[in-house]
PDB file of N, CA and C in Angstrom:
ATOM      1  N   MET A   1     -54.088  -1.327  -7.850  1.00  0.00           N
ATOM      2  CA  MET A   1     -53.621  -2.574  -8.419  1.00  0.00           C
ATOM      3  C   MET A   1     -54.798  -3.541  -8.483  1.00  0.00           C
ATOM      4  N   LYS A   2     -54.842  -4.323  -9.555  1.00  0.00           N
ATOM      5  CA  LYS A   2     -55.931  -5.281  -9.689  1.00  0.00           C
ATOM      6  C   LYS A   2     -55.744  -6.438  -8.710  1.00  0.00           C
ATOM      7  N   ARG A   3     -56.783  -7.191  -8.539  1.00  0.00           N
ATOM      8  CA  ARG A   3     -56.793  -8.307  -7.598  1.00  0.00           C
ATOM      9  C   ARG A   3     -55.759  -9.359  -8.002  1.00  0.00           C
ATOM     10  N   ILE A   4     -55.039  -9.874  -7.018  1.00  0.00           N
ATOM     11  CA  ILE A   4     -54.023 -10.893  -7.257  1.00  0.00           C
ATOM     12  C   ILE A   4     -54.646 -12.261  -7.022  1.00  0.00           C
ATOM     13  N   LYS A   5     -54.477 -13.149  -7.978  1.00  0.00           N
ATOM     14  CA  LYS A   5     -55.046 -14.491  -7.877  1.00  0.00           C
ATOM     15  C   LYS A   5     -54.311 -15.302  -6.806  1.00  0.00           C
ATOM     16  N   HIS A   6     -55.052 -16.213  -6.190  1.00  0.00           N
ATOM     17  CA  HIS A   6     -54.509 -17.099  -5.165  1.00  0.00           C
ATOM     18  C   HIS A   6     -53.399 -17.960  -5.766  1.00  0.00           C
ATOM     19  N   ARG A   7     -52.298 -18.067  -5.076  1.00  0.00           N
ATOM     20  CA  ARG A   7     -51.135 -18.876  -5.479  1.00  0.00           C
ATOM     21  C   ARG A   7     -50.405 -18.327  -6.712  1.00  0.00           C
ATOM     22  N   ASP A   8     -50.560 -17.061  -6.991  1.00  0.00           N
ATOM     23  CA  ASP A   8     -49.867 -16.435  -8.121  1.00  0.00           C
ATOM     24  C   ASP A   8     -48.665 -15.668  -7.573  1.00  0.00           C
ATOM     25  N   LEU A   9     -47.459 -16.140  -7.883  1.00  0.00           N
ATOM     26  CA  LEU A   9     -46.234 -15.521  -7.363  1.00  0.00           C
ATOM     27  C   LEU A   9     -45.651 -14.471  -8.299  1.00  0.00           C
ATOM     28  N   THR A  10     -46.269 -14.259  -9.423  1.00  0.00           N
ATOM     29  CA  THR A  10     -45.744 -13.331 -10.423  1.00  0.00           C
ATOM     30  C   THR A  10     -45.497 -11.942  -9.836  1.00  0.00           C
ATOM     31  N   HIS A  11     -46.468 -11.417  -9.139  1.00  0.00           N
ATOM     32  CA  HIS A  11     -46.343 -10.066  -8.597  1.00  0.00           C
ATOM     33  C   HIS A  11     -45.254  -9.981  -7.533  1.00  0.00           C
ATOM     34  N   TYR A  12     -45.034 -11.060  -6.784  1.00  0.00           N
ATOM     35  CA  TYR A  12     -44.004 -11.082  -5.749  1.00  0.00           C
ATOM     36  C   TYR A  12     -42.629 -10.839  -6.363  1.00  0.00           C
ATOM     37  N   PHE A  13     -42.391 -11.371  -7.544  1.00  0.00           N
ATOM     38  CA  PHE A  13     -41.094 -11.225  -8.191  1.00  0.00           C
ATOM     39  C   PHE A  13     -40.980  -9.951  -9.028  1.00  0.00           C
ATOM     40  N   LEU A  14     -42.083  -9.467  -9.554  1.00  0.00           N
ATOM     41  CA  LEU A  14     -42.020  -8.352 -10.488  1.00  0.00           C
ATOM     42  C   LEU A  14     -42.276  -6.978  -9.863  1.00  0.00           C
ATOM     43  N   GLU A  15     -43.012  -6.932  -8.778  1.00  0.00           N
ATOM     44  CA  GLU A  15     -43.387  -5.653  -8.178  1.00  0.00           C
ATOM     45  C   GLU A  15     -42.579  -5.385  -6.917  1.00  0.00           C
ATOM     46  N   ASP A  16     -42.472  -4.114  -6.587  1.00  0.00           N
ATOM     47  CA  ASP A  16     -41.855  -3.712  -5.336  1.00  0.00           C
ATOM     48  C   ASP A  16     -42.768  -4.162  -4.200  1.00  0.00           C
ATOM     49  N   HIS A  17     -42.203  -4.796  -3.184  1.00  0.00           N
ATOM     50  CA  HIS A  17     -43.017  -5.345  -2.096  1.00  0.00           C
ATOM     51  C   HIS A  17     -43.784  -4.262  -1.338  1.00  0.00           C
ATOM     52  N   ARG A  18     -43.310  -3.044  -1.353  1.00  0.00           N
ATOM     53  CA  ARG A  18     -44.022  -1.954  -0.663  1.00  0.00           C
ATOM     54  C   ARG A  18     -45.334  -1.617  -1.366  1.00  0.00           C
ATOM     55  N   ARG A  19     -45.462  -1.947  -2.634  1.00  0.00           N
ATOM     56  CA  ARG A  19     -46.676  -1.660  -3.395  1.00  0.00           C
ATOM     57  C   ARG A  19     -47.690  -2.796  -3.343  1.00  0.00           C
ATOM     58  N   LEU A  20     -47.308  -3.925  -2.759  1.00  0.00           N
ATOM     59  CA  LEU A  20     -48.182  -5.096  -2.705  1.00  0.00           C
ATOM     60  C   LEU A  20     -48.911  -5.155  -1.360  1.00  0.00           C
ATOM     61  N   PRO A  21     -50.069  -5.814  -1.331  1.00  0.00           N
ATOM     62  CA  PRO A  21     -50.782  -5.985  -0.064  1.00  0.00           C
ATOM     63  C   PRO A  21     -49.934  -6.783   0.937  1.00  0.00           C
ATOM     64  N   ARG A  22     -49.954  -6.365   2.191  1.00  0.00           N
ATOM     65  CA  ARG A  22     -49.152  -7.022   3.226  1.00  0.00           C
ATOM     66  C   ARG A  22     -49.509  -8.496   3.360  1.00  0.00           C
ATOM     67  N   ALA A  23     -50.789  -8.805   3.286  1.00  0.00           N
ATOM     68  CA  ALA A  23     -51.223 -10.200   3.423  1.00  0.00           C
ATOM     69  C   ALA A  23     -50.655 -11.064   2.296  1.00  0.00           C
ATOM     70  N   TYR A  24     -50.569 -10.506   1.096  1.00  0.00           N
ATOM     71  CA  TYR A  24     -50.030 -11.245  -0.049  1.00  0.00           C
ATOM     72  C   TYR A  24     -48.542 -11.529   0.161  1.00  0.00           C
ATOM     73  N   VAL A  25     -47.783 -10.524   0.577  1.00  0.00           N
ATOM     74  CA  VAL A  25     -46.345 -10.698   0.800  1.00  0.00           C
ATOM     75  C   VAL A  25     -46.117 -11.709   1.921  1.00  0.00           C
ATOM     76  N   ALA A  26     -46.904 -11.619   2.993  1.00  0.00           N
ATOM     77  CA  ALA A  26     -46.774 -12.555   4.107  1.00  0.00           C
ATOM     78  C   ALA A  26     -47.086 -13.982   3.649  1.00  0.00           C
ATOM     79  N   SER A  27     -48.100 -14.147   2.815  1.00  0.00           N
ATOM     80  CA  SER A  27     -48.463 -15.460   2.301  1.00  0.00           C
ATOM     81  C   SER A  27     -47.335 -16.041   1.455  1.00  0.00           C
ATOM     82  N   CYS A  28     -46.727 -15.221   0.625  1.00  0.00           N
ATOM     83  CA  CYS A  28     -45.613 -15.683  -0.211  1.00  0.00           C
ATOM     84  C   CYS A  28     -44.426 -16.099   0.654  1.00  0.00           C
ATOM     85  N   LYS A  29     -44.144 -15.308   1.686  1.00  0.00           N
ATOM     86  CA  LYS A  29     -43.026 -15.640   2.571  1.00  0.00           C
ATOM     87  C   LYS A  29     -43.280 -16.952   3.303  1.00  0.00           C
ATOM     88  N   ARG A  30     -44.522 -17.181   3.741  1.00  0.00           N
ATOM     89  CA  ARG A  30     -44.862 -18.458   4.380  1.00  0.00           C
ATOM     90  C   ARG A  30     -44.669 -19.611   3.398  1.00  0.00           C
ATOM     91  N   PHE A  31     -45.057 -19.399   2.144  1.00  0.00           N
ATOM     92  CA  PHE A  31     -44.906 -20.420   1.109  1.00  0.00           C
ATOM     93  C   PHE A  31     -43.435 -20.775   0.908  1.00  0.00           C
ATOM     94  N   PHE A  32     -42.567 -19.760   0.802  1.00  0.00           N
ATOM     95  CA  PHE A  32     -41.138 -20.019   0.606  1.00  0.00           C
ATOM     96  C   PHE A  32     -40.526 -20.691   1.835  1.00  0.00           C
ATOM     97  N   LYS A  33     -40.962 -20.297   3.019  1.00  0.00           N
ATOM     98  CA  LYS A  33     -40.454 -20.904   4.240  1.00  0.00           C
ATOM     99  C   LYS A  33     -40.844 -22.389   4.302  1.00  0.00           C
ATOM    100  N   GLU A  34     -42.053 -22.701   3.863  1.00  0.00           N
ATOM    101  CA  GLU A  34     -42.508 -24.085   3.822  1.00  0.00           C
ATOM    102  C   GLU A  34     -41.644 -24.910   2.874  1.00  0.00           C
ATOM    103  N   ILE A  35     -41.311 -24.344   1.725  1.00  0.00           N
ATOM    104  CA  ILE A  35     -40.447 -25.046   0.762  1.00  0.00           C
ATOM    105  C   ILE A  35     -39.065 -25.255   1.369  1.00  0.00           C
ATOM    106  N   GLU A  36     -38.530 -24.221   2.036  1.00  0.00           N
ATOM    107  CA  GLU A  36     -37.213 -24.337   2.667  1.00  0.00           C
ATOM    108  C   GLU A  36     -37.187 -25.496   3.652  1.00  0.00           C
ATOM    109  N   GLN A  37     -38.214 -25.598   4.480  1.00  0.00           N
ATOM    110  CA  GLN A  37     -38.254 -26.653   5.486  1.00  0.00           C
ATOM    111  C   GLN A  37     -38.452 -28.021   4.861  1.00  0.00           C
ATOM    112  N   ARG A  38     -39.311 -28.116   3.873  1.00  0.00           N
ATOM    113  CA  ARG A  38     -39.637 -29.408   3.267  1.00  0.00           C
ATOM    114  C   ARG A  38     -38.522 -29.915   2.364  1.00  0.00           C
ATOM    115  N   GLU A  39     -37.957 -29.039   1.540  1.00  0.00           N
ATOM    116  CA  GLU A  39     -36.993 -29.446   0.519  1.00  0.00           C
ATOM    117  C   GLU A  39     -35.543 -29.162   0.887  1.00  0.00           C
ATOM    118  N   GLY A  40     -35.319 -28.385   1.930  1.00  0.00           N
ATOM    119  CA  GLY A  40     -33.952 -28.043   2.307  1.00  0.00           C
ATOM    120  C   GLY A  40     -33.324 -27.009   1.383  1.00  0.00           C
ATOM    121  N   ILE A  41     -34.137 -26.210   0.709  1.00  0.00           N
ATOM    122  CA  ILE A  41     -33.653 -25.170  -0.195  1.00  0.00           C
ATOM    123  C   ILE A  41     -33.657 -23.848   0.554  1.00  0.00           C
ATOM    124  N   LYS A  42     -32.605 -23.046   0.414  1.00  0.00           N
ATOM    125  CA  LYS A  42     -32.541 -21.766   1.098  1.00  0.00           C
ATOM    126  C   LYS A  42     -32.729 -20.630   0.110  1.00  0.00           C
ATOM    127  N   PHE A  43     -33.732 -19.794   0.377  1.00  0.00           N
ATOM    128  CA  PHE A  43     -33.968 -18.599  -0.419  1.00  0.00           C
ATOM    129  C   PHE A  43     -33.361 -17.430   0.331  1.00  0.00           C
ATOM    130  N   ALA A  44     -32.533 -16.660  -0.322  1.00  0.00           N
ATOM    131  CA  ALA A  44     -31.840 -15.543   0.333  1.00  0.00           C
ATOM    132  C   ALA A  44     -32.649 -14.268   0.187  1.00  0.00           C
ATOM    133  N   GLY A  45     -33.495 -13.989   1.151  1.00  0.00           N
ATOM    134  CA  GLY A  45     -34.234 -12.736   1.178  1.00  0.00           C
ATOM    135  C   GLY A  45     -35.142 -12.544  -0.017  1.00  0.00           C
ATOM    136  N   LYS A  46     -35.256 -11.306  -0.435  1.00  0.00           N
ATOM    137  CA  LYS A  46     -36.128 -10.937  -1.545  1.00  0.00           C
ATOM    138  C   LYS A  46     -35.416 -11.265  -2.860  1.00  0.00           C
ATOM    139  N   PHE A  47     -35.978 -12.139  -3.609  1.00  0.00           N
ATOM    140  CA  PHE A  47     -35.400 -12.548  -4.881  1.00  0.00           C
ATOM    141  C   PHE A  47     -35.950 -11.666  -5.987  1.00  0.00           C
ATOM    142  N   LYS A  48     -35.073 -10.953  -6.672  1.00  0.00           N
ATOM    143  CA  LYS A  48     -35.477 -10.109  -7.788  1.00  0.00           C
ATOM    144  C   LYS A  48     -34.651 -10.512  -9.009  1.00  0.00           C
ATOM    145  N   PRO A  49     -35.283 -10.736 -10.142  1.00  0.00           N
ATOM    146  CA  PRO A  49     -34.547 -11.138 -11.348  1.00  0.00           C
ATOM    147  C   PRO A  49     -33.442 -10.167 -11.745  1.00  0.00           C
ATOM    148  N   GLU A  50     -33.670  -8.872 -11.582  1.00  0.00           N
ATOM    149  CA  GLU A  50     -32.654  -7.909 -11.996  1.00  0.00           C
ATOM    150  C   GLU A  50     -31.448  -7.894 -11.064  1.00  0.00           C
ATOM    151  N   ALA A  51     -31.554  -8.545  -9.908  1.00  0.00           N
ATOM    152  CA  ALA A  51     -30.444  -8.595  -8.961  1.00  0.00           C
ATOM    153  C   ALA A  51     -29.414  -9.652  -9.377  1.00  0.00           C
ATOM    154  N   GLY A  52     -29.699 -10.430 -10.376  1.00  0.00           N
ATOM    155  CA  GLY A  52     -28.765 -11.448 -10.837  1.00  0.00           C
ATOM    156  C   GLY A  52     -28.962 -12.738 -10.069  1.00  0.00           C
ATOM    157  N   ALA A  53     -29.793 -13.583 -10.556  1.00  0.00           N
ATOM    158  CA  ALA A  53     -30.095 -14.841  -9.880  1.00  0.00           C
ATOM    159  C   ALA A  53     -28.892 -15.763  -9.940  1.00  0.00           C
ATOM    160  N   PRO A  54     -28.587 -16.433  -8.832  1.00  0.00           N
ATOM    161  CA  PRO A  54     -27.500 -17.405  -8.873  1.00  0.00           C
ATOM    162  C   PRO A  54     -27.910 -18.580  -9.751  1.00  0.00           C
ATOM    163  N   SER A  55     -26.974 -19.089 -10.496  1.00  0.00           N
ATOM    164  CA  SER A  55     -27.271 -20.158 -11.431  1.00  0.00           C
ATOM    165  C   SER A  55     -26.473 -21.403 -11.073  1.00  0.00           C
ATOM    166  N   ALA A  56     -27.074 -22.553 -11.264  1.00  0.00           N
ATOM    167  CA  ALA A  56     -26.399 -23.823 -11.032  1.00  0.00           C
ATOM    168  C   ALA A  56     -25.640 -24.270 -12.279  1.00  0.00           C
ATOM    169  N   LYS A  57     -25.773 -23.532 -13.367  1.00  0.00           N
ATOM    170  CA  LYS A  57     -25.099 -23.894 -14.612  1.00  0.00           C
ATOM    171  C   LYS A  57     -23.602 -23.645 -14.483  1.00  0.00           C
ATOM    172  N   LEU A  58     -22.834 -24.477 -15.156  1.00  0.00           N
ATOM    173  CA  LEU A  58     -21.394 -24.280 -15.181  1.00  0.00           C
ATOM    174  C   LEU A  58     -21.031 -23.144 -16.116  1.00  0.00           C
ATOM    175  N   GLN A  59     -19.955 -22.454 -15.793  1.00  0.00           N
ATOM    176  CA  GLN A  59     -19.467 -21.372 -16.627  1.00  0.00           C
ATOM    177  C   GLN A  59     -18.787 -21.950 -17.870  1.00  0.00           C
ATOM    178  N   ALA A  60     -18.834 -21.214 -18.954  1.00  0.00           N
ATOM    179  CA  ALA A  60     -18.120 -21.601 -20.160  1.00  0.00           C
ATOM    180  C   ALA A  60     -16.619 -21.514 -19.875  1.00  0.00           C
ATOM    181  N   PRO A  61     -15.811 -22.398 -20.478  1.00  0.00           N
ATOM    182  CA  PRO A  61     -14.369 -22.372 -20.209  1.00  0.00           C
ATOM    183  C   PRO A  61     -13.730 -21.012 -20.485  1.00  0.00           C
ATOM    184  N   SER A  62     -14.233 -20.291 -21.467  1.00  0.00           N
ATOM    185  CA  SER A  62     -13.648 -18.992 -21.786  1.00  0.00           C
ATOM    186  C   SER A  62     -13.958 -17.952 -20.714  1.00  0.00           C
ATOM    187  N   ALA A  63     -14.997 -18.196 -19.903  1.00  0.00           N
ATOM    188  CA  ALA A  63     -15.373 -17.240 -18.867  1.00  0.00           C
ATOM    189  C   ALA A  63     -14.612 -17.467 -17.574  1.00  0.00           C
ATOM    190  N   LEU A  64     -13.979 -18.621 -17.438  1.00  0.00           N
ATOM    191  CA  LEU A  64     -13.245 -18.927 -16.210  1.00  0.00           C
ATOM    192  C   LEU A  64     -11.887 -18.241 -16.211  1.00  0.00           C
ATOM    193  N   LYS A  65     -11.498 -17.770 -15.054  1.00  0.00           N
ATOM    194  CA  LYS A  65     -10.197 -17.102 -14.913  1.00  0.00           C
ATOM    195  C   LYS A  65      -9.108 -18.159 -14.883  1.00  0.00           C
ATOM    196  N   LYS A  66      -8.108 -18.008 -15.741  1.00  0.00           N
ATOM    197  CA  LYS A  66      -7.019 -18.983 -15.798  1.00  0.00           C
ATOM    198  C   LYS A  66      -5.895 -18.541 -14.868  1.00  0.00           C
ATOM    199  N   THR A  67      -5.417 -19.469 -14.051  1.00  0.00           N
ATOM    200  CA  THR A  67      -4.300 -19.167 -13.152  1.00  0.00           C
ATOM    201  C   THR A  67      -3.068 -19.845 -13.649  1.00  0.00           C
ATOM    202  N   GLN A  68      -1.934 -19.216 -13.478  1.00  0.00           N
ATOM    203  CA  GLN A  68      -0.663 -19.797 -13.944  1.00  0.00           C
ATOM    204  C   GLN A  68       0.263 -20.003 -12.796  1.00  0.00           C
TER     205      GLN A  68
END
């Protein structure tokens, strides 16, 4: 794998963590932990786009289940 630039999170989200350098993964985890503490945001483990990211957007009315 080619060299990963400092502060580049692209590989953290796109690559399997087992294929990445341990120091890089540890650095990313420290970065996310710092954000959690500073901003009060909680990241749930390994975030992968294909896992279906939670969205803050409201659902369309047609997508909501109607109860009677």
